[in-house]
Amino acid sequence: MDERSNDPSRRAWLTRAVAGGAALCVHPWALAASEKWPTRAITFIVPFNAGGATDILARLLASRLSDRLGQTIVVENRVGASGILGTDATARAPADGYTFTVSLTTNLLLNQFLYSKLPYDPRRDLVLVSLLARAPVTLVVHPDVPASDAPSLLAYIKANKGKLSYGSWGVGSHGHLACAYMSRTQDADMIHAPYKGEAPMLQDLIGGRIQLAFASALGSKPQIDAGKLKLIGVTGKTRMDILPDGRTLFEQGLTDDAYSVVGWSGMAAPARTPPALVQRMATELAAVAAMPDVRARVADIGFSVVASSPEAFVQAYDQDLPIWENLVKVSGARLD
């Protein structure tokens, strides 16, 4: 038996997820309540700046869901403290089915291992609604780096111990954790250069002030196409639609979980949101995710649509959690 099945937090999440799917069958009154919902505007809290990939995804979903539900959906950017403010605002919101967050792995999973003091506990204060999209990232290098694939890059950084620098869009970010793992396993002693966002990191990478970085396809593809950056590979086990010729690191022989795991975008709600409403929102999201224009737009930002049931989201979360927890430990990242 999997030892994680005895974890109280996991049991609570699974109970809520299963309840979300079963409530419609067991409680006719819950079905009636979900059919009347919504009767007023819904808020999607995005804990990141407007214009980024998560914001684009949230606004796309809000537009299509608004048409289906017959109510306005307001996308509210609650920015601050690396996404903590917006996520905490969701956790503290009334659990009435009118507040949700569209967020990333960082805020819904990673932060609990990075921060010694977090105002919310994602597994206690939030209920998962649906995975929305998987978000693999690209591994790119400055054109002067004499490597064209993953094995040659590993050999290069190992041969240049202590001489190379990698960038990330912040301490504890996917880019930081993946490069820290690469540095540790290759005994490369690479220097971490954290930035306040991806844009300045990419500018320094283009300028040669750092040598490599993991970056979103949305940010890196224009630079790859222009020859300003060189693509080494992408995370995950499937290629990106936006970069069909970009081989995964996995197919290049980097089969460690650190390179196969991908970030995701997902929707969560306050913990005590009625299960029938959680299930209803997940059902509506699945319908929207099946729309060809939605799938095409999501692919354009480097994501792939994977709308799911609440229970499937919990299972995916539980599978990813120990991988990310270990990456945080390997990196030594800690935030207060």
C-alpha atoms as a PDB file:
ATOM      1  CA  MET A   1       0.000   0.000   0.000  1.00  0.00           C
ATOM      2  CA  ASP A   2       1.203   3.527  -0.812  1.00  0.00           C
ATOM      3  CA  GLU A   3       2.241   5.194   2.453  1.00  0.00           C
ATOM      4  CA  ARG A   4       0.791   8.461   1.172  1.00  0.00           C
ATOM      5  CA  SER A   5      -2.704   6.947   1.479  1.00  0.00           C
ATOM      6  CA  ASN A   6      -2.305   7.351   5.263  1.00  0.00           C
ATOM      7  CA  ASP A   7      -1.568  11.063   5.035  1.00  0.00           C
ATOM      8  CA  PRO A   8      -4.470  13.019   6.645  1.00  0.00           C
ATOM      9  CA  SER A   9      -4.115  15.953   4.276  1.00  0.00           C
ATOM     10  CA  ARG A  10      -4.279  13.679   1.252  1.00  0.00           C
ATOM     11  CA  ARG A  11      -7.315  11.824   2.644  1.00  0.00           C
ATOM     12  CA  ALA A  12      -9.077  15.154   3.188  1.00  0.00           C
ATOM     13  CA  TRP A  13      -8.339  16.242  -0.389  1.00  0.00           C
ATOM     14  CA  LEU A  14      -9.501  12.936  -1.823  1.00  0.00           C
ATOM     15  CA  THR A  15     -12.635  13.024   0.310  1.00  0.00           C
ATOM     16  CA  ARG A  16     -13.515  16.463  -1.008  1.00  0.00           C
ATOM     17  CA  ALA A  17     -12.733  15.443  -4.585  1.00  0.00           C
ATOM     18  CA  VAL A  18     -14.808  12.246  -4.428  1.00  0.00           C
ATOM     19  CA  ALA A  19     -17.608  14.149  -2.741  1.00  0.00           C
ATOM     20  CA  GLY A  20     -17.567  16.597  -5.615  1.00  0.00           C
ATOM     21  CA  GLY A  21     -18.235  13.798  -8.085  1.00  0.00           C
ATOM     22  CA  ALA A  22     -20.685  11.874  -5.915  1.00  0.00           C
ATOM     23  CA  ALA A  23     -22.745  14.738  -4.542  1.00  0.00           C
ATOM     24  CA  LEU A  24     -24.818  15.068  -7.685  1.00  0.00           C
ATOM     25  CA  CYS A  25     -25.924  11.430  -7.432  1.00  0.00           C
ATOM     26  CA  VAL A  26     -26.424  11.239  -3.679  1.00  0.00           C
ATOM     27  CA  HIS A  27     -28.081  14.569  -2.946  1.00  0.00           C
ATOM     28  CA  PRO A  28     -30.857  15.773  -5.298  1.00  0.00           C
ATOM     29  CA  TRP A  29     -30.915  19.096  -3.447  1.00  0.00           C
ATOM     30  CA  ALA A  30     -27.268  19.637  -4.406  1.00  0.00           C
ATOM     31  CA  LEU A  31     -28.149  19.156  -8.061  1.00  0.00           C
ATOM     32  CA  ALA A  32     -30.909  21.742  -7.746  1.00  0.00           C
ATOM     33  CA  ALA A  33     -28.511  24.188  -6.095  1.00  0.00           C
ATOM     34  CA  SER A  34     -25.935  23.751  -8.844  1.00  0.00           C
ATOM     35  CA  GLU A  35     -28.570  24.248 -11.545  1.00  0.00           C
ATOM     36  CA  LYS A  36     -29.518  27.630 -10.049  1.00  0.00           C
ATOM     37  CA  TRP A  37     -25.873  28.675  -9.814  1.00  0.00           C
ATOM     38  CA  PRO A  38     -24.638  31.209 -10.785  1.00  0.00           C
ATOM     39  CA  THR A  39     -27.049  34.046 -10.068  1.00  0.00           C
ATOM     40  CA  ARG A  40     -24.433  36.821 -10.031  1.00  0.00           C
ATOM     41  CA  ALA A  41     -20.921  37.620 -11.222  1.00  0.00           C
ATOM     42  CA  ILE A  42     -18.077  35.191 -10.521  1.00  0.00           C
ATOM     43  CA  THR A  43     -14.508  36.275  -9.747  1.00  0.00           C
ATOM     44  CA  PHE A  44     -11.387  34.546 -11.008  1.00  0.00           C
ATOM     45  CA  ILE A  45      -8.386  35.675  -8.951  1.00  0.00           C
ATOM     46  CA  VAL A  46      -5.105  35.507 -10.867  1.00  0.00           C
ATOM     47  CA  PRO A  47      -2.116  36.033  -8.530  1.00  0.00           C
ATOM     48  CA  PHE A  48       0.094  37.296 -11.363  1.00  0.00           C
ATOM     49  CA  ASN A  49       0.395  40.334 -13.611  1.00  0.00           C
ATOM     50  CA  ALA A  50      -1.961  40.943 -16.502  1.00  0.00           C
ATOM     51  CA  GLY A  51      -0.611  39.825 -19.862  1.00  0.00           C
ATOM     52  CA  GLY A  52       1.237  36.726 -18.678  1.00  0.00           C
ATOM     53  CA  ALA A  53       0.372  33.201 -19.756  1.00  0.00           C
ATOM     54  CA  THR A  54      -1.767  32.463 -16.680  1.00  0.00           C
ATOM     55  CA  ASP A  55      -3.677  35.714 -17.097  1.00  0.00           C
ATOM     56  CA  ILE A  56      -4.249  35.002 -20.800  1.00  0.00           C
ATOM     57  CA  LEU A  57      -5.563  31.532 -19.927  1.00  0.00           C
ATOM     58  CA  ALA A  58      -7.854  32.873 -17.196  1.00  0.00           C
ATOM     59  CA  ARG A  59      -9.359  35.535 -19.462  1.00  0.00           C
ATOM     60  CA  LEU A  60      -9.885  33.053 -22.277  1.00  0.00           C
ATOM     61  CA  LEU A  61     -11.718  30.669 -19.961  1.00  0.00           C
ATOM     62  CA  ALA A  62     -13.687  33.486 -18.352  1.00  0.00           C
ATOM     63  CA  SER A  63     -14.944  34.675 -21.732  1.00  0.00           C
ATOM     64  CA  ARG A  64     -16.163  31.248 -22.819  1.00  0.00           C
ATOM     65  CA  LEU A  65     -17.590  30.327 -19.412  1.00  0.00           C
ATOM     66  CA  SER A  66     -19.454  33.604 -19.189  1.00  0.00           C
ATOM     67  CA  ASP A  67     -21.267  32.736 -22.401  1.00  0.00           C
ATOM     68  CA  ARG A  68     -22.168  29.280 -21.086  1.00  0.00           C
ATOM     69  CA  LEU A  69     -23.195  30.343 -17.578  1.00  0.00           C
ATOM     70  CA  GLY A  70     -24.977  33.564 -18.503  1.00  0.00           C
ATOM     71  CA  GLN A  71     -23.099  35.612 -15.899  1.00  0.00           C
ATOM     72  CA  THR A  72     -20.139  37.976 -15.961  1.00  0.00           C
ATOM     73  CA  ILE A  73     -16.826  36.514 -14.867  1.00  0.00           C
ATOM     74  CA  VAL A  74     -14.391  39.112 -13.580  1.00  0.00           C
ATOM     75  CA  VAL A  75     -10.678  38.365 -13.790  1.00  0.00           C
ATOM     76  CA  GLU A  76      -8.944  40.113 -10.907  1.00  0.00           C
ATOM     77  CA  ASN A  77      -5.149  40.335 -10.821  1.00  0.00           C
ATOM     78  CA  ARG A  78      -4.100  40.202  -7.161  1.00  0.00           C
ATOM     79  CA  VAL A  79      -0.345  40.604  -7.490  1.00  0.00           C
ATOM     80  CA  GLY A  80       2.215  40.485  -4.703  1.00  0.00           C
ATOM     81  CA  ALA A  81       4.537  38.304  -2.636  1.00  0.00           C
ATOM     82  CA  SER A  82       5.209  35.875  -5.487  1.00  0.00           C
ATOM     83  CA  GLY A  83       1.528  35.067  -5.885  1.00  0.00           C
ATOM     84  CA  ILE A  84       0.866  34.521  -2.193  1.00  0.00           C
ATOM     85  CA  LEU A  85      -1.477  37.504  -1.792  1.00  0.00           C
ATOM     86  CA  GLY A  86      -3.851  36.374  -4.515  1.00  0.00           C
ATOM     87  CA  THR A  87      -3.880  32.771  -3.375  1.00  0.00           C
ATOM     88  CA  ASP A  88      -4.489  33.783   0.233  1.00  0.00           C
ATOM     89  CA  ALA A  89      -7.326  36.071  -0.885  1.00  0.00           C
ATOM     90  CA  THR A  90      -8.969  33.055  -2.513  1.00  0.00           C
ATOM     91  CA  ALA A  91      -8.512  30.902   0.584  1.00  0.00           C
ATOM     92  CA  ARG A  92     -10.157  33.596   2.719  1.00  0.00           C
ATOM     93  CA  ALA A  93     -13.030  34.334   0.330  1.00  0.00           C
ATOM     94  CA  PRO A  94     -16.607  33.181   1.052  1.00  0.00           C
ATOM     95  CA  ALA A  95     -16.973  29.536   0.070  1.00  0.00           C
ATOM     96  CA  ASP A  96     -20.083  30.154  -2.003  1.00  0.00           C
ATOM     97  CA  GLY A  97     -19.000  29.245  -5.512  1.00  0.00           C
ATOM     98  CA  TYR A  98     -18.339  32.810  -6.619  1.00  0.00           C
ATOM     99  CA  THR A  99     -14.581  33.020  -6.063  1.00  0.00           C
ATOM    100  CA  PHE A 100     -11.965  30.831  -7.728  1.00  0.00           C
ATOM    101  CA  THR A 101      -8.279  31.185  -8.442  1.00  0.00           C
ATOM    102  CA  VAL A 102      -6.523  30.369 -11.704  1.00  0.00           C
ATOM    103  CA  SER A 103      -2.992  29.722 -10.563  1.00  0.00           C
ATOM    104  CA  LEU A 104       0.174  27.709 -11.048  1.00  0.00           C
ATOM    105  CA  THR A 105       2.062  24.854  -9.415  1.00  0.00           C
ATOM    106  CA  THR A 106       4.097  27.409  -7.468  1.00  0.00           C
ATOM    107  CA  ASN A 107       1.211  28.774  -5.431  1.00  0.00           C
ATOM    108  CA  LEU A 108      -0.914  25.667  -5.149  1.00  0.00           C
ATOM    109  CA  LEU A 109       1.907  23.218  -4.384  1.00  0.00           C
ATOM    110  CA  LEU A 110       5.496  24.506  -4.211  1.00  0.00           C
ATOM    111  CA  ASN A 111       5.120  27.375  -1.753  1.00  0.00           C
ATOM    112  CA  GLN A 112       4.298  25.066   1.140  1.00  0.00           C
ATOM    113  CA  PHE A 113       7.865  23.725   0.911  1.00  0.00           C
ATOM    114  CA  LEU A 114       9.578  27.020   0.125  1.00  0.00           C
ATOM    115  CA  TYR A 115       8.143  29.266   2.832  1.00  0.00           C
ATOM    116  CA  SER A 116       8.610  28.767   6.548  1.00  0.00           C
ATOM    117  CA  LYS A 117       5.541  30.948   7.124  1.00  0.00           C
ATOM    118  CA  LEU A 118       2.705  30.799   4.621  1.00  0.00           C
ATOM    119  CA  PRO A 119      -0.640  32.464   5.400  1.00  0.00           C
ATOM    120  CA  TYR A 120      -2.560  29.625   3.782  1.00  0.00           C
ATOM    121  CA  ASP A 121      -2.200  25.845   3.688  1.00  0.00           C
ATOM    122  CA  PRO A 122      -3.116  24.756   0.153  1.00  0.00           C
ATOM    123  CA  ARG A 123      -4.245  21.309   1.275  1.00  0.00           C
ATOM    124  CA  ARG A 124      -6.365  22.648   4.113  1.00  0.00           C
ATOM    125  CA  ASP A 125      -7.664  25.993   2.872  1.00  0.00           C
ATOM    126  CA  LEU A 126      -8.335  25.248  -0.806  1.00  0.00           C
ATOM    127  CA  VAL A 127     -10.209  22.632  -2.783  1.00  0.00           C
ATOM    128  CA  LEU A 128      -8.948  21.665  -6.210  1.00  0.00           C
ATOM    129  CA  VAL A 129     -11.457  22.134  -9.011  1.00  0.00           C
ATOM    130  CA  SER A 130      -9.691  21.184 -12.223  1.00  0.00           C
ATOM    131  CA  LEU A 131      -6.344  20.975 -13.880  1.00  0.00           C
ATOM    132  CA  LEU A 132      -6.495  23.463 -16.728  1.00  0.00           C
ATOM    133  CA  ALA A 133      -3.278  23.031 -18.663  1.00  0.00           C
ATOM    134  CA  ARG A 134       0.178  21.580 -18.412  1.00  0.00           C
ATOM    135  CA  ALA A 135       2.997  24.078 -18.778  1.00  0.00           C
ATOM    136  CA  PRO A 136       6.323  22.565 -19.828  1.00  0.00           C
ATOM    137  CA  VAL A 137       9.283  24.913 -20.129  1.00  0.00           C
ATOM    138  CA  THR A 138      12.177  25.216 -22.531  1.00  0.00           C
ATOM    139  CA  LEU A 139      15.855  24.823 -21.705  1.00  0.00           C
ATOM    140  CA  VAL A 140      17.728  27.502 -23.657  1.00  0.00           C
ATOM    141  CA  VAL A 141      21.333  28.639 -23.832  1.00  0.00           C
ATOM    142  CA  HIS A 142      23.248  31.578 -25.226  1.00  0.00           C
ATOM    143  CA  PRO A 143      24.361  30.870 -28.832  1.00  0.00           C
ATOM    144  CA  ASP A 144      28.022  30.888 -27.754  1.00  0.00           C
ATOM    145  CA  VAL A 145      27.513  27.831 -25.550  1.00  0.00           C
ATOM    146  CA  PRO A 146      29.014  24.922 -27.569  1.00  0.00           C
ATOM    147  CA  ALA A 147      26.164  22.489 -26.999  1.00  0.00           C
ATOM    148  CA  SER A 148      23.298  21.531 -29.273  1.00  0.00           C
ATOM    149  CA  ASP A 149      21.515  18.905 -27.194  1.00  0.00           C
ATOM    150  CA  ALA A 150      21.053  17.814 -23.603  1.00  0.00           C
ATOM    151  CA  PRO A 151      23.931  15.317 -23.350  1.00  0.00           C
ATOM    152  CA  SER A 152      26.462  17.793 -24.801  1.00  0.00           C
ATOM    153  CA  LEU A 153      25.181  20.525 -22.470  1.00  0.00           C
ATOM    154  CA  LEU A 154      25.648  18.288 -19.419  1.00  0.00           C
ATOM    155  CA  ALA A 155      29.166  17.475 -20.564  1.00  0.00           C
ATOM    156  CA  TYR A 156      29.916  21.171 -21.060  1.00  0.00           C
ATOM    157  CA  ILE A 157      28.724  22.315 -17.657  1.00  0.00           C
ATOM    158  CA  LYS A 158      30.536  19.419 -15.976  1.00  0.00           C
ATOM    159  CA  ALA A 159      33.774  20.382 -17.740  1.00  0.00           C
ATOM    160  CA  ASN A 160      33.393  24.021 -16.689  1.00  0.00           C
ATOM    161  CA  LYS A 161      32.835  23.603 -12.975  1.00  0.00           C
ATOM    162  CA  GLY A 162      32.214  26.901 -11.220  1.00  0.00           C
ATOM    163  CA  LYS A 163      32.440  28.946 -14.439  1.00  0.00           C
ATOM    164  CA  LEU A 164      28.813  29.063 -15.593  1.00  0.00           C
ATOM    165  CA  SER A 165      25.746  30.965 -14.439  1.00  0.00           C
ATOM    166  CA  TYR A 166      22.088  30.130 -14.886  1.00  0.00           C
ATOM    167  CA  GLY A 167      19.137  32.422 -14.534  1.00  0.00           C
ATOM    168  CA  SER A 168      15.655  31.972 -13.143  1.00  0.00           C
ATOM    169  CA  TRP A 169      12.577  34.142 -12.733  1.00  0.00           C
ATOM    170  CA  GLY A 170      12.922  33.868  -8.968  1.00  0.00           C
ATOM    171  CA  VAL A 171      14.157  31.757  -6.062  1.00  0.00           C
ATOM    172  CA  GLY A 172      12.110  28.571  -5.867  1.00  0.00           C
ATOM    173  CA  SER A 173      10.785  28.852  -9.416  1.00  0.00           C
ATOM    174  CA  HIS A 174      10.713  25.881 -11.777  1.00  0.00           C
ATOM    175  CA  GLY A 175      13.738  27.320 -13.587  1.00  0.00           C
ATOM    176  CA  HIS A 176      15.703  27.629 -10.368  1.00  0.00           C
ATOM    177  CA  LEU A 177      14.859  24.153  -9.107  1.00  0.00           C
ATOM    178  CA  ALA A 178      15.600  22.390 -12.399  1.00  0.00           C
ATOM    179  CA  CYS A 179      18.939  24.137 -12.943  1.00  0.00           C
ATOM    180  CA  ALA A 180      19.947  23.623  -9.309  1.00  0.00           C
ATOM    181  CA  TYR A 181      19.256  19.917  -9.755  1.00  0.00           C
ATOM    182  CA  MET A 182      21.309  19.885 -12.955  1.00  0.00           C
ATOM    183  CA  SER A 183      24.184  21.643 -11.241  1.00  0.00           C
ATOM    184  CA  ARG A 184      24.111  19.310  -8.235  1.00  0.00           C
ATOM    185  CA  THR A 185      23.942  16.072 -10.239  1.00  0.00           C
ATOM    186  CA  GLN A 186      26.765  17.181 -12.554  1.00  0.00           C
ATOM    187  CA  ASP A 187      28.877  18.591  -9.702  1.00  0.00           C
ATOM    188  CA  ALA A 188      29.028  21.786 -11.762  1.00  0.00           C
ATOM    189  CA  ASP A 189      28.815  24.471  -9.044  1.00  0.00           C
ATOM    190  CA  MET A 190      26.881  26.759 -11.379  1.00  0.00           C
ATOM    191  CA  ILE A 191      25.989  30.193 -10.044  1.00  0.00           C
ATOM    192  CA  HIS A 192      22.304  31.042  -9.661  1.00  0.00           C
ATOM    193  CA  ALA A 193      21.206  34.478 -10.855  1.00  0.00           C
ATOM    194  CA  PRO A 194      17.600  35.090  -9.733  1.00  0.00           C
ATOM    195  CA  TYR A 195      15.588  37.820 -11.474  1.00  0.00           C
ATOM    196  CA  LYS A 196      12.336  39.579 -10.738  1.00  0.00           C
ATOM    197  CA  GLY A 197      10.513  38.004 -13.635  1.00  0.00           C
ATOM    198  CA  GLU A 198      11.328  36.188 -16.829  1.00  0.00           C
ATOM    199  CA  ALA A 199      11.776  39.177 -19.161  1.00  0.00           C
ATOM    200  CA  PRO A 200      14.925  40.592 -17.495  1.00  0.00           C
ATOM    201  CA  MET A 201      16.333  37.070 -17.196  1.00  0.00           C
ATOM    202  CA  LEU A 202      15.940  36.492 -20.932  1.00  0.00           C
ATOM    203  CA  GLN A 203      17.533  39.840 -21.717  1.00  0.00           C
ATOM    204  CA  ASP A 204      20.618  38.939 -19.700  1.00  0.00           C
ATOM    205  CA  LEU A 205      20.728  35.504 -21.322  1.00  0.00           C
ATOM    206  CA  ILE A 206      20.605  37.079 -24.775  1.00  0.00           C
ATOM    207  CA  GLY A 207      23.325  39.500 -23.685  1.00  0.00           C
ATOM    208  CA  GLY A 208      25.583  36.673 -22.507  1.00  0.00           C
ATOM    209  CA  ARG A 209      25.641  37.675 -18.845  1.00  0.00           C
ATOM    210  CA  ILE A 210      24.289  34.227 -17.983  1.00  0.00           C
ATOM    211  CA  GLN A 211      24.737  31.067 -20.047  1.00  0.00           C
ATOM    212  CA  LEU A 212      21.555  29.037 -19.641  1.00  0.00           C
ATOM    213  CA  ALA A 213      18.053  29.035 -18.225  1.00  0.00           C
ATOM    214  CA  PHE A 214      14.715  27.317 -18.259  1.00  0.00           C
ATOM    215  CA  ALA A 215      12.054  29.625 -19.682  1.00  0.00           C
ATOM    216  CA  SER A 216       8.448  29.580 -20.835  1.00  0.00           C
ATOM    217  CA  ALA A 217       7.832  28.914 -24.513  1.00  0.00           C
ATOM    218  CA  LEU A 218       5.880  32.170 -24.641  1.00  0.00           C
ATOM    219  CA  GLY A 219       9.014  34.066 -23.659  1.00  0.00           C
ATOM    220  CA  SER A 220      11.705  32.018 -25.371  1.00  0.00           C
ATOM    221  CA  LYS A 221      10.208  31.098 -28.741  1.00  0.00           C
ATOM    222  CA  PRO A 222      10.565  34.564 -30.348  1.00  0.00           C
ATOM    223  CA  GLN A 223      14.239  34.615 -29.283  1.00  0.00           C
ATOM    224  CA  ILE A 224      14.799  31.068 -30.542  1.00  0.00           C
ATOM    225  CA  ASP A 225      13.208  31.926 -33.890  1.00  0.00           C
ATOM    226  CA  ALA A 226      15.396  35.030 -34.148  1.00  0.00           C
ATOM    227  CA  GLY A 227      18.577  33.052 -33.431  1.00  0.00           C
ATOM    228  CA  LYS A 228      19.228  34.975 -30.227  1.00  0.00           C
ATOM    229  CA  LEU A 229      18.873  31.847 -28.094  1.00  0.00           C
ATOM    230  CA  LYS A 230      19.536  28.176 -28.753  1.00  0.00           C
ATOM    231  CA  LEU A 231      16.937  25.580 -27.785  1.00  0.00           C
ATOM    232  CA  ILE A 232      18.333  22.519 -26.024  1.00  0.00           C
ATOM    233  CA  GLY A 233      15.067  20.794 -25.184  1.00  0.00           C
ATOM    234  CA  VAL A 234      11.768  20.953 -23.314  1.00  0.00           C
ATOM    235  CA  THR A 235      10.565  19.411 -20.070  1.00  0.00           C
ATOM    236  CA  GLY A 236       7.959  16.680 -19.857  1.00  0.00           C
ATOM    237  CA  LYS A 237       7.528  13.567 -21.973  1.00  0.00           C
ATOM    238  CA  THR A 238       5.689  15.050 -24.952  1.00  0.00           C
ATOM    239  CA  ARG A 239       6.773  17.779 -27.334  1.00  0.00           C
ATOM    240  CA  MET A 240       5.171  21.201 -27.336  1.00  0.00           C
ATOM    241  CA  ASP A 241       2.738  22.033 -30.126  1.00  0.00           C
ATOM    242  CA  ILE A 242       4.299  25.480 -30.321  1.00  0.00           C
ATOM    243  CA  LEU A 243       7.801  23.954 -30.751  1.00  0.00           C
ATOM    244  CA  PRO A 244       7.204  20.653 -32.577  1.00  0.00           C
ATOM    245  CA  ASP A 245      10.880  20.234 -33.476  1.00  0.00           C
ATOM    246  CA  GLY A 246      12.030  20.805 -29.898  1.00  0.00           C
ATOM    247  CA  ARG A 247      12.894  17.414 -28.478  1.00  0.00           C
ATOM    248  CA  THR A 248      12.023  16.666 -24.879  1.00  0.00           C
ATOM    249  CA  LEU A 249      14.883  16.253 -22.442  1.00  0.00           C
ATOM    250  CA  PHE A 250      13.397  12.846 -21.661  1.00  0.00           C
ATOM    251  CA  GLU A 251      13.787  11.604 -25.232  1.00  0.00           C
ATOM    252  CA  GLN A 252      17.370  12.878 -25.143  1.00  0.00           C
ATOM    253  CA  GLY A 253      18.161  10.595 -22.234  1.00  0.00           C
ATOM    254  CA  LEU A 254      17.494  12.880 -19.240  1.00  0.00           C
ATOM    255  CA  THR A 255      14.940  10.582 -17.647  1.00  0.00           C
ATOM    256  CA  ASP A 256      15.134  11.914 -14.090  1.00  0.00           C
ATOM    257  CA  ASP A 257      11.824  13.096 -12.613  1.00  0.00           C
ATOM    258  CA  ALA A 258      13.334  16.572 -12.356  1.00  0.00           C
ATOM    259  CA  TYR A 259      13.215  16.895 -16.146  1.00  0.00           C
ATOM    260  CA  SER A 260      10.025  14.920 -16.772  1.00  0.00           C
ATOM    261  CA  VAL A 261       7.789  16.771 -14.323  1.00  0.00           C
ATOM    262  CA  VAL A 262       6.017  19.808 -15.709  1.00  0.00           C
ATOM    263  CA  GLY A 263       4.326  22.749 -14.104  1.00  0.00           C
ATOM    264  CA  TRP A 264       0.626  23.209 -14.557  1.00  0.00           C
ATOM    265  CA  SER A 265      -2.120  25.748 -14.341  1.00  0.00           C
ATOM    266  CA  GLY A 266      -5.122  24.812 -12.274  1.00  0.00           C
ATOM    267  CA  MET A 267      -8.253  26.159 -10.667  1.00  0.00           C
ATOM    268  CA  ALA A 268      -8.973  26.032  -6.946  1.00  0.00           C
ATOM    269  CA  ALA A 269     -11.659  27.426  -4.662  1.00  0.00           C
ATOM    270  CA  PRO A 270     -12.071  28.095  -0.931  1.00  0.00           C
ATOM    271  CA  ALA A 271     -12.045  24.803   0.961  1.00  0.00           C
ATOM    272  CA  ARG A 272     -15.691  24.728   2.014  1.00  0.00           C
ATOM    273  CA  THR A 273     -17.130  25.505  -1.408  1.00  0.00           C
ATOM    274  CA  PRO A 274     -20.160  23.176  -1.903  1.00  0.00           C
ATOM    275  CA  PRO A 275     -19.043  20.007  -3.723  1.00  0.00           C
ATOM    276  CA  ALA A 276     -21.890  20.313  -6.237  1.00  0.00           C
ATOM    277  CA  LEU A 277     -20.637  23.730  -7.333  1.00  0.00           C
ATOM    278  CA  VAL A 278     -17.041  22.499  -7.558  1.00  0.00           C
ATOM    279  CA  GLN A 279     -18.196  19.647  -9.779  1.00  0.00           C
ATOM    280  CA  ARG A 280     -20.372  21.957 -11.880  1.00  0.00           C
ATOM    281  CA  MET A 281     -17.462  24.319 -12.526  1.00  0.00           C
ATOM    282  CA  ALA A 282     -15.209  21.379 -13.453  1.00  0.00           C
ATOM    283  CA  THR A 283     -17.839  20.124 -15.889  1.00  0.00           C
ATOM    284  CA  GLU A 284     -18.186  23.540 -17.502  1.00  0.00           C
ATOM    285  CA  LEU A 285     -14.401  23.881 -17.768  1.00  0.00           C
ATOM    286  CA  ALA A 286     -14.179  20.523 -19.513  1.00  0.00           C
ATOM    287  CA  ALA A 287     -16.727  21.686 -22.084  1.00  0.00           C
ATOM    288  CA  VAL A 288     -14.799  24.899 -22.712  1.00  0.00           C
ATOM    289  CA  ALA A 289     -11.489  23.054 -22.913  1.00  0.00           C
ATOM    290  CA  ALA A 290     -12.883  20.891 -25.714  1.00  0.00           C
ATOM    291  CA  MET A 291     -13.479  23.935 -27.942  1.00  0.00           C
ATOM    292  CA  PRO A 292     -10.997  23.929 -30.862  1.00  0.00           C
ATOM    293  CA  ASP A 293     -10.305  27.674 -30.667  1.00  0.00           C
ATOM    294  CA  VAL A 294      -9.559  27.412 -26.940  1.00  0.00           C
ATOM    295  CA  ARG A 295      -7.167  24.513 -27.469  1.00  0.00           C
ATOM    296  CA  ALA A 296      -5.417  26.402 -30.279  1.00  0.00           C
ATOM    297  CA  ARG A 297      -5.032  29.585 -28.221  1.00  0.00           C
ATOM    298  CA  VAL A 298      -3.705  27.665 -25.229  1.00  0.00           C
ATOM    299  CA  ALA A 299      -1.179  25.912 -27.479  1.00  0.00           C
ATOM    300  CA  ASP A 300      -0.025  29.324 -28.711  1.00  0.00           C
ATOM    301  CA  ILE A 301       1.179  30.216 -25.210  1.00  0.00           C
ATOM    302  CA  GLY A 302       3.059  26.929 -24.837  1.00  0.00           C
ATOM    303  CA  PHE A 303       0.487  25.135 -22.710  1.00  0.00           C
ATOM    304  CA  SER A 304      -1.563  22.017 -23.436  1.00  0.00           C
ATOM    305  CA  VAL A 305      -5.164  21.725 -22.272  1.00  0.00           C
ATOM    306  CA  VAL A 306      -5.834  18.988 -19.710  1.00  0.00           C
ATOM    307  CA  ALA A 307      -9.121  19.949 -18.042  1.00  0.00           C
ATOM    308  CA  SER A 308      -9.950  17.275 -15.447  1.00  0.00           C
ATOM    309  CA  SER A 309     -12.317  16.231 -12.707  1.00  0.00           C
ATOM    310  CA  PRO A 310     -11.563  17.390  -9.152  1.00  0.00           C
ATOM    311  CA  GLU A 311     -10.558  13.849  -8.202  1.00  0.00           C
ATOM    312  CA  ALA A 312      -8.171  13.532 -11.159  1.00  0.00           C
ATOM    313  CA  PHE A 313      -6.588  16.845 -10.177  1.00  0.00           C
ATOM    314  CA  VAL A 314      -6.001  15.596  -6.637  1.00  0.00           C
ATOM    315  CA  GLN A 315      -4.397  12.422  -7.966  1.00  0.00           C
ATOM    316  CA  ALA A 316      -2.107  14.360 -10.320  1.00  0.00           C
ATOM    317  CA  TYR A 317      -1.218  16.743  -7.489  1.00  0.00           C
ATOM    318  CA  ASP A 318      -0.390  13.852  -5.181  1.00  0.00           C
ATOM    319  CA  GLN A 319       1.824  12.272  -7.821  1.00  0.00           C
ATOM    320  CA  ASP A 320       3.769  15.491  -8.440  1.00  0.00           C
ATOM    321  CA  LEU A 321       4.099  16.576  -4.807  1.00  0.00           C
ATOM    322  CA  PRO A 322       7.054  14.379  -3.730  1.00  0.00           C
ATOM    323  CA  ILE A 323       8.976  15.284  -6.897  1.00  0.00           C
ATOM    324  CA  TRP A 324       8.685  19.015  -6.274  1.00  0.00           C
ATOM    325  CA  GLU A 325       9.353  18.581  -2.566  1.00  0.00           C
ATOM    326  CA  ASN A 326      12.605  16.777  -3.368  1.00  0.00           C
ATOM    327  CA  LEU A 327      13.634  19.433  -5.906  1.00  0.00           C
ATOM    328  CA  VAL A 328      13.188  22.116  -3.261  1.00  0.00           C
ATOM    329  CA  LYS A 329      15.365  20.132  -0.858  1.00  0.00           C
ATOM    330  CA  VAL A 330      18.084  19.593  -3.472  1.00  0.00           C
ATOM    331  CA  SER A 331      18.116  23.315  -4.349  1.00  0.00           C
ATOM    332  CA  GLY A 332      18.302  24.411  -0.712  1.00  0.00           C
ATOM    333  CA  ALA A 333      15.793  27.149  -1.512  1.00  0.00           C
ATOM    334  CA  ARG A 334      14.059  28.686   1.477  1.00  0.00           C
ATOM    335  CA  LEU A 335      11.964  31.849   1.659  1.00  0.00           C
ATOM    336  CA  ASP A 336      10.460  33.788   4.555  1.00  0.00           C
END
